[in-house]
C-alpha atoms as a PDB file:
ATOM      1  CA  MET A   1     128.396 106.305  94.223  1.00  0.00           C
ATOM      2  CA  ALA A   2     128.487 103.968  97.221  1.00  0.00           C
ATOM      3  CA  LEU A   3     131.307 101.480  97.747  1.00  0.00           C
ATOM      4  CA  GLY A   4     132.564 102.023  94.207  1.00  0.00           C
ATOM      5  CA  PHE A   5     129.454 100.491  92.608  1.00  0.00           C
ATOM      6  CA  ALA A   6     127.909 101.917  89.475  1.00  0.00           C
ATOM      7  CA  MET A   7     124.229 102.859  89.685  1.00  0.00           C
ATOM      8  CA  THR A   8     123.191  99.870  87.576  1.00  0.00           C
ATOM      9  CA  ASP A   9     125.168  97.550  89.882  1.00  0.00           C
ATOM     10  CA  LEU A  10     123.331  98.917  92.912  1.00  0.00           C
ATOM     11  CA  GLU A  11     119.969  98.616  91.194  1.00  0.00           C
ATOM     12  CA  GLU A  12     120.763  95.054  90.122  1.00  0.00           C
ATOM     13  CA  GLY A  13     121.857  94.235  93.672  1.00  0.00           C
ATOM     14  CA  ILE A  14     118.565  95.547  95.045  1.00  0.00           C
ATOM     15  CA  ARG A  15     116.613  93.510  92.482  1.00  0.00           C
ATOM     16  CA  LYS A  16     118.583  90.373  93.348  1.00  0.00           C
ATOM     17  CA  ILE A  17     118.068  90.727  97.112  1.00  0.00           C
ATOM     18  CA  LEU A  18     114.361  91.476  96.732  1.00  0.00           C
ATOM     19  CA  LYS A  19     113.990  88.480  94.423  1.00  0.00           C
ATOM     20  CA  GLU A  20     115.484  86.337  97.202  1.00  0.00           C
ATOM     21  CA  HIS A  21     113.000  87.837  99.702  1.00  0.00           C
ATOM     22  CA  PRO A  22     109.520  87.743  98.143  1.00  0.00           C
ATOM     23  CA  GLU A  23     108.052  88.506 101.589  1.00  0.00           C
ATOM     24  CA  GLY A  24     109.552  91.989 101.232  1.00  0.00           C
ATOM     25  CA  LEU A  25     112.246  93.876 103.078  1.00  0.00           C
ATOM     26  CA  THR A  26     112.415  97.218 104.806  1.00  0.00           C
ATOM     27  CA  ILE A  27     114.790  99.775 103.390  1.00  0.00           C
ATOM     28  CA  SER A  28     116.968  99.358 106.509  1.00  0.00           C
ATOM     29  CA  SER A  29     117.143  95.583 106.011  1.00  0.00           C
ATOM     30  CA  LEU A  30     117.907  96.033 102.340  1.00  0.00           C
ATOM     31  CA  ALA A  31     120.637  98.555 103.135  1.00  0.00           C
ATOM     32  CA  LYS A  32     122.192  96.216 105.713  1.00  0.00           C
ATOM     33  CA  ALA A  33     122.153  93.290 103.263  1.00  0.00           C
ATOM     34  CA  MET A  34     123.962  95.406 100.662  1.00  0.00           C
ATOM     35  CA  GLY A  35     126.345  97.147 103.037  1.00  0.00           C
ATOM     36  CA  LEU A  36     124.905 100.575 102.233  1.00  0.00           C
ATOM     37  CA  HIS A  37     123.718 103.501 104.300  1.00  0.00           C
ATOM     38  CA  ARG A  38     119.929 103.549 104.644  1.00  0.00           C
ATOM     39  CA  HIS A  39     119.667 106.866 102.774  1.00  0.00           C
ATOM     40  CA  THR A  40     121.615 105.484  99.818  1.00  0.00           C
ATOM     41  CA  ALA A  41     119.411 102.392  99.648  1.00  0.00           C
ATOM     42  CA  ALA A  42     116.287 104.580  99.890  1.00  0.00           C
ATOM     43  CA  LYS A  43     117.500 106.693  96.957  1.00  0.00           C
ATOM     44  CA  TYR A  44     117.882 103.672  94.685  1.00  0.00           C
ATOM     45  CA  VAL A  45     114.665 102.043  95.889  1.00  0.00           C
ATOM     46  CA  LYS A  46     112.834 105.268  95.072  1.00  0.00           C
ATOM     47  CA  GLY A  47     114.333 105.272  91.572  1.00  0.00           C
ATOM     48  CA  LEU A  48     113.325 101.657  90.968  1.00  0.00           C
ATOM     49  CA  ALA A  49     109.834 102.368  92.327  1.00  0.00           C
ATOM     50  CA  GLU A  50     109.495 105.310  89.920  1.00  0.00           C
ATOM     51  CA  LYS A  51     110.485 102.980  87.069  1.00  0.00           C
ATOM     52  CA  GLY A  52     107.742 100.602  88.208  1.00  0.00           C
ATOM     53  CA  GLU A  53     110.111  97.783  89.159  1.00  0.00           C
ATOM     54  CA  ILE A  54     109.507  97.872  92.914  1.00  0.00           C
ATOM     55  CA  LYS A  55     106.350  98.339  94.913  1.00  0.00           C
ATOM     56  CA  GLN A  56     106.268  99.555  98.490  1.00  0.00           C
ATOM     57  CA  ARG A  57     103.749  98.969 101.233  1.00  0.00           C
ATOM     58  CA  LYS A  58     103.704 101.049 104.378  1.00  0.00           C
ATOM     59  CA  ILE A  59     103.363  99.085 107.603  1.00  0.00           C
ATOM     60  CA  GLY A  60     103.433 101.389 110.598  1.00  0.00           C
ATOM     61  CA  MET A  61     106.556 103.521 110.320  1.00  0.00           C
ATOM     62  CA  ALA A  62     108.301 101.089 107.952  1.00  0.00           C
ATOM     63  CA  LYS A  63     107.970 100.594 104.210  1.00  0.00           C
ATOM     64  CA  LEU A  64     108.230  97.052 102.912  1.00  0.00           C
ATOM     65  CA  CYS A  65     109.759  96.818  99.453  1.00  0.00           C
ATOM     66  CA  TYR A  66     108.855  94.099  96.968  1.00  0.00           C
ATOM     67  CA  LEU A  67     110.075  93.341  93.495  1.00  0.00           C
ATOM     68  CA  LYS A  68     107.134  93.567  91.125  1.00  0.00           C
ATOM     69  CA  LYS A  69     106.444  90.183  89.571  1.00  0.00           C
ATOM     70  CA  GLU A  70     105.720  91.715  86.167  1.00  0.00           C
ATOM     71  CA  SER A  71     109.118  93.427  86.177  1.00  0.00           C
ATOM     72  CA  VAL A  72     110.939  90.143  86.744  1.00  0.00           C
ATOM     73  CA  GLU A  73     108.931  88.362  84.037  1.00  0.00           C
ATOM     74  CA  LEU A  74     109.584  91.123  81.488  1.00  0.00           C
ATOM     75  CA  LYS A  75     113.328  91.071  82.176  1.00  0.00           C
ATOM     76  CA  LEU A  76     113.429  87.282  81.816  1.00  0.00           C
ATOM     77  CA  LYS A  77     111.559  87.461  78.489  1.00  0.00           C
ATOM     78  CA  PHE A  78     113.925  90.171  77.255  1.00  0.00           C
ATOM     79  CA  LEU A  79     116.994  88.180  78.284  1.00  0.00           C
ATOM     80  CA  ASP A  80     115.603  85.038  76.683  1.00  0.00           C
ATOM     81  CA  ARG A  81     114.968  86.857  73.393  1.00  0.00           C
ATOM     82  CA  SER A  82     118.399  88.483  73.526  1.00  0.00           C
ATOM     83  CA  SER A  83     120.164  85.164  73.985  1.00  0.00           C
ATOM     84  CA  GLN A  84     118.201  83.607  71.101  1.00  0.00           C
ATOM     85  CA  ASN A  85     119.272  86.414  68.789  1.00  0.00           C
ATOM     86  CA  PHE A  86     122.852  86.156  69.959  1.00  0.00           C
ATOM     87  CA  PHE A  87     123.469  82.695  68.497  1.00  0.00           C
END
């Protein structure tokens, strides 16, 4: 666990940063933005990619990471339904 964050906090942080950067970020840039080591960021990016939430595109030696649009839309629909059922 990096910097005392839970896994879900790190994943949510990655989602948030990628949402703010639709042009994509390298794993190194993502790690720097979160204050993580590159290997730690890569581990969580890989997990999110396996879940289908992030897509990666290789450009030269770097991999650009993007938040999948469908993933964001599904989460928003789920949250909207959850809040409607809450009241």
